[in-house]
Amino acid sequence: MKIHDAILVGASGLIGKHISSLLKNNKINQIHLNRKSLGIASENIEEAIVNFRDVNSFKNFLNADCIYLSTGTRLTLLQLLHIKKKDRLNFLEVDFEMPLRVAKAAYERGVKKIALVSAIGADKKSKNFYLKTKGALEEEILNIGFDKVVIARPGHLLGKRDIPIAIEVKIYELIFKTISPLMVSVFRKYRNIRAESVAASLVAYINKPSKGCVILDYDNFKNY
């Protein structure tokens, strides 16, 4: 099995696309693990179509120094506040069980470094189901044993999406753009941030010659 420099899970997402582009521009050999083909294979990009529920479907592709996990369910603003019980099983599979399954398999295959896209406010003790899930995933991944873990906790992401932006999201972004200068101190990290800045900071920090855990938020992202 070919050895790559990086594995990317979530290449179709807003941050994942920018991670892939950055790696490609730096001529870093990468493999994307996808449910279906994105048709973006190139000289530096290999694509593997896998079943994320079956470890045997993807474990042999986990040959790299680092892995980027940039997966997540597409949620409305209302769902970020409250995910209905009937939707929670699917949410948990995509945002918790699947990335954790991949992370554990990657570690067992010898991957040393992992970069995870989480969310601002992630906390396993949160009463918000979304943030509680994100916090629980962070803790599980930190306990696996990777030499280096880089966790990005962005606020609302700005950037061009594949589907039209809902009117309530446009209003939300406009409001936060207006009040952003007033968001200081502990509220600063909740500012909206461009997806490419989050991607760039993840790539930069995962390649720094250090070990341990690094958690990135707005003040880290804005420098990229």
Protein backbone atom coordinates (compact mmCIF):
# COMPACT_ATOMS: atom_id res chain seq x y z
CA MET A 1 0.00 0.00 0.00
CA LYS A 2 1.35 3.42 -0.97
CA ILE A 3 2.60 5.63 1.86
CA HIS A 4 1.31 9.22 1.85
CA ASP A 5 2.34 12.32 3.75
CA ALA A 6 -1.19 13.06 4.93
CA ILE A 7 -4.66 11.53 5.19
CA LEU A 8 -7.72 13.77 4.86
CA VAL A 9 -11.21 12.82 5.99
CA GLY A 10 -13.80 15.45 5.11
CA ALA A 11 -12.38 16.78 1.84
CA SER A 12 -15.83 17.89 0.67
CA GLY A 13 -16.36 20.23 3.62
CA LEU A 14 -15.68 23.93 3.86
CA ILE A 15 -12.44 23.54 5.83
CA GLY A 16 -11.48 20.22 4.26
CA LYS A 17 -11.40 21.74 0.77
CA HIS A 18 -8.93 24.38 1.92
CA ILE A 19 -6.77 21.82 3.72
CA SER A 20 -6.60 19.78 0.51
CA SER A 21 -5.72 22.84 -1.55
CA LEU A 22 -2.96 23.89 0.84
CA LEU A 23 -1.44 20.42 0.86
CA LYS A 24 -1.62 20.25 -2.92
CA ASN A 25 0.05 23.66 -3.32
CA ASN A 26 2.85 22.46 -1.02
CA LYS A 27 3.17 19.28 -3.11
CA ILE A 28 2.29 17.10 -0.12
CA ASN A 29 1.08 13.66 -1.16
CA GLN A 30 -2.34 13.10 0.34
CA ILE A 31 -5.06 10.49 0.32
CA HIS A 32 -8.72 11.39 0.77
CA LEU A 33 -11.07 8.91 2.39
CA ASN A 34 -14.55 9.58 0.99
CA ARG A 35 -17.97 7.96 0.94
CA LYS A 36 -18.30 8.81 -2.75
CA SER A 37 -15.93 10.15 -5.37
CA LEU A 38 -15.31 13.89 -5.45
CA GLY A 39 -13.47 13.64 -8.76
CA ILE A 40 -10.48 15.66 -7.54
CA ALA A 41 -7.70 13.08 -7.77
CA SER A 42 -4.47 14.53 -9.15
CA GLU A 43 -0.71 13.97 -9.12
CA ASN A 44 -0.55 14.63 -5.37
CA ILE A 45 -4.03 13.42 -4.43
CA GLU A 46 -5.29 9.86 -4.23
CA GLU A 47 -8.92 9.10 -3.46
CA ALA A 48 -10.25 6.02 -1.69
CA ILE A 49 -13.98 5.27 -1.57
CA VAL A 50 -14.70 3.63 1.76
CA ASN A 51 -17.43 2.57 4.16
CA PHE A 52 -16.71 4.45 7.39
CA ARG A 53 -18.84 2.01 9.40
CA ASP A 54 -16.43 -0.82 8.51
CA VAL A 55 -12.83 -0.42 9.72
CA ASN A 56 -11.68 -3.10 7.27
CA SER A 57 -12.88 -0.85 4.45
CA PHE A 58 -10.36 1.90 5.19
CA LYS A 59 -7.67 0.72 7.61
CA ASN A 60 -5.23 -0.26 4.85
CA PHE A 61 -5.28 3.31 3.51
CA LEU A 62 -4.08 4.75 6.81
CA ASN A 63 -0.41 4.93 5.87
CA ALA A 64 0.82 8.43 6.61
CA ASP A 65 2.53 10.60 9.20
CA CYS A 66 -0.59 12.63 10.00
CA ILE A 67 -4.34 12.63 9.56
CA TYR A 68 -6.77 15.53 9.26
CA LEU A 69 -10.34 14.96 10.50
CA SER A 70 -12.63 17.66 9.13
CA THR A 71 -16.03 15.99 9.24
CA GLY A 72 -19.36 17.13 10.53
CA THR A 73 -23.10 17.17 10.00
CA ARG A 74 -24.48 20.17 8.16
CA LEU A 75 -26.77 21.83 10.72
CA THR A 76 -29.08 24.80 10.74
CA LEU A 77 -28.63 27.59 13.26
CA LEU A 78 -31.60 26.20 15.19
CA GLN A 79 -30.07 22.71 15.27
CA LEU A 80 -26.86 24.13 16.71
CA LEU A 81 -28.95 25.21 19.66
CA HIS A 82 -31.02 22.04 19.89
CA ILE A 83 -30.76 18.77 17.98
CA LYS A 84 -34.01 16.83 18.17
CA LYS A 85 -33.82 13.35 19.67
CA LYS A 86 -34.85 11.73 16.37
CA ASP A 87 -31.82 13.28 14.66
CA ARG A 88 -29.25 12.51 17.34
CA LEU A 89 -28.26 9.00 16.29
CA ASN A 90 -27.28 10.15 12.80
CA PHE A 91 -25.50 13.17 14.24
CA LEU A 92 -23.53 11.00 16.68
CA GLU A 93 -22.47 8.63 13.90
CA VAL A 94 -21.06 11.44 11.74
CA ASP A 95 -19.69 13.74 14.43
CA PHE A 96 -18.51 11.28 17.05
CA GLU A 97 -18.45 7.58 16.24
CA MET A 98 -17.08 7.81 12.69
CA PRO A 99 -14.18 10.21 13.36
CA LEU A 100 -13.28 8.32 16.54
CA ARG A 101 -13.34 5.02 14.66
CA VAL A 102 -11.00 6.43 12.02
CA ALA A 103 -8.71 8.03 14.60
CA LYS A 104 -8.28 4.80 16.56
CA ALA A 105 -7.59 2.82 13.39
CA ALA A 106 -5.07 5.45 12.25
CA TYR A 107 -3.19 5.25 15.53
CA GLU A 108 -3.09 1.47 15.35
CA ARG A 109 -1.62 1.78 11.84
CA GLY A 110 1.18 4.01 13.09
CA VAL A 111 -0.08 7.53 12.35
CA LYS A 112 1.69 9.88 14.78
CA LYS A 113 -0.16 13.19 14.42
CA ILE A 114 -3.82 14.16 14.18
CA ALA A 115 -5.55 17.46 13.40
CA LEU A 116 -9.21 17.74 14.38
CA VAL A 117 -11.82 20.34 13.47
CA SER A 118 -14.03 20.84 16.53
CA ALA A 119 -16.07 23.89 17.59
CA ILE A 120 -15.79 26.85 19.91
CA GLY A 121 -17.43 26.03 23.22
CA ALA A 122 -16.79 22.28 22.90
CA ASP A 123 -17.21 20.78 26.36
CA LYS A 124 -18.25 17.24 27.29
CA LYS A 125 -20.13 18.70 30.29
CA SER A 126 -22.14 21.15 28.19
CA LYS A 127 -25.94 20.96 28.29
CA ASN A 128 -25.92 21.73 24.55
CA PHE A 129 -25.91 18.38 22.73
CA TYR A 130 -23.79 19.65 19.83
CA LEU A 131 -21.08 21.11 22.06
CA LYS A 132 -21.22 18.14 24.44
CA THR A 133 -20.58 15.76 21.53
CA LYS A 134 -17.68 17.85 20.23
CA GLY A 135 -16.13 17.97 23.69
CA ALA A 136 -16.51 14.22 24.18
CA LEU A 137 -14.80 13.56 20.84
CA GLU A 138 -11.89 15.83 21.76
CA GLU A 139 -11.34 13.96 25.01
CA GLU A 140 -11.52 10.54 23.38
CA ILE A 141 -8.97 11.50 20.73
CA LEU A 142 -6.64 13.03 23.30
CA ASN A 143 -6.70 9.72 25.18
CA ILE A 144 -5.75 7.57 22.16
CA GLY A 145 -2.03 8.27 22.42
CA PHE A 146 -1.01 10.32 19.38
CA ASP A 147 2.36 12.09 19.65
CA LYS A 148 0.69 15.32 18.58
CA VAL A 149 -2.93 16.51 18.59
CA VAL A 150 -4.00 19.84 17.10
CA ILE A 151 -7.62 20.83 17.74
CA ALA A 152 -9.27 23.75 15.96
CA ARG A 153 -12.21 25.39 17.71
CA PRO A 154 -13.64 27.90 15.26
CA GLY A 155 -16.78 29.93 15.61
CA HIS A 156 -19.14 30.39 12.64
CA LEU A 157 -17.28 29.73 9.40
CA LEU A 158 -17.23 32.19 6.52
CA GLY A 159 -16.60 31.11 2.95
CA LYS A 160 -18.13 30.00 -0.32
CA ARG A 161 -20.40 26.99 0.12
CA ASP A 162 -21.69 24.42 -2.37
CA ILE A 163 -25.31 25.20 -1.54
CA PRO A 164 -27.09 28.55 -1.20
CA ILE A 165 -26.76 30.15 2.24
CA ALA A 166 -30.06 30.30 4.14
CA ILE A 167 -31.44 33.77 4.75
CA GLU A 168 -31.16 33.37 8.53
CA VAL A 169 -27.45 32.59 8.13
CA LYS A 170 -26.94 35.71 6.01
CA ILE A 171 -28.66 37.78 8.69
CA TYR A 172 -26.56 36.11 11.39
CA GLU A 173 -23.34 36.85 9.52
CA LEU A 174 -24.35 40.47 8.96
CA ILE A 175 -25.18 40.98 12.64
CA PHE A 176 -21.91 39.45 13.78
CA LYS A 177 -19.94 41.46 11.24
CA THR A 178 -21.44 44.60 12.74
CA ILE A 179 -20.83 43.71 16.38
CA SER A 180 -17.49 41.94 15.89
CA PRO A 181 -15.41 44.95 17.06
CA LEU A 182 -17.37 44.88 20.33
CA MET A 183 -16.60 41.19 20.90
CA VAL A 184 -13.58 41.48 23.15
CA SER A 185 -12.10 39.58 26.09
CA VAL A 186 -13.73 36.14 26.48
CA PHE A 187 -16.17 36.89 23.62
CA ARG A 188 -13.39 37.47 21.08
CA LYS A 189 -13.01 33.77 20.33
CA TYR A 190 -16.66 33.59 19.21
CA ARG A 191 -16.08 35.90 16.26
CA ASN A 192 -16.81 34.57 12.78
CA ILE A 193 -13.73 33.32 10.96
CA ARG A 194 -12.91 32.44 7.36
CA ALA A 195 -12.62 28.71 6.71
CA GLU A 196 -9.32 29.09 4.85
CA SER A 197 -7.77 30.68 7.94
CA VAL A 198 -8.77 27.70 10.07
CA ALA A 199 -7.39 25.29 7.48
CA ALA A 200 -4.11 27.20 7.17
CA SER A 201 -3.58 27.26 10.93
CA LEU A 202 -4.21 23.52 11.22
CA VAL A 203 -1.70 22.73 8.48
CA ALA A 204 0.85 25.10 10.01
CA TYR A 205 0.54 23.83 13.57
CA ILE A 206 0.47 20.12 12.73
CA ASN A 207 3.80 20.60 10.95
CA LYS A 208 5.52 22.44 13.79
CA PRO A 209 8.34 20.39 15.39
CA SER A 210 6.61 19.80 18.70
CA LYS A 211 4.59 17.17 20.52
CA GLY A 212 1.57 17.22 22.80
CA CYS A 213 -1.77 18.96 22.37
CA VAL A 214 -2.47 22.40 20.90
CA ILE A 215 -5.94 23.96 20.89
CA LEU A 216 -6.50 26.72 18.35
CA ASP A 217 -9.13 29.44 18.45
CA TYR A 218 -9.80 32.84 16.85
CA ASP A 219 -6.51 34.47 17.87
CA ASN A 220 -4.59 31.63 16.21
CA PHE A 221 -6.75 31.60 13.07
CA LYS A 222 -6.59 35.32 12.38
CA ASN A 223 -2.85 35.15 11.78
CA TYR A 224 -3.31 32.92 8.73
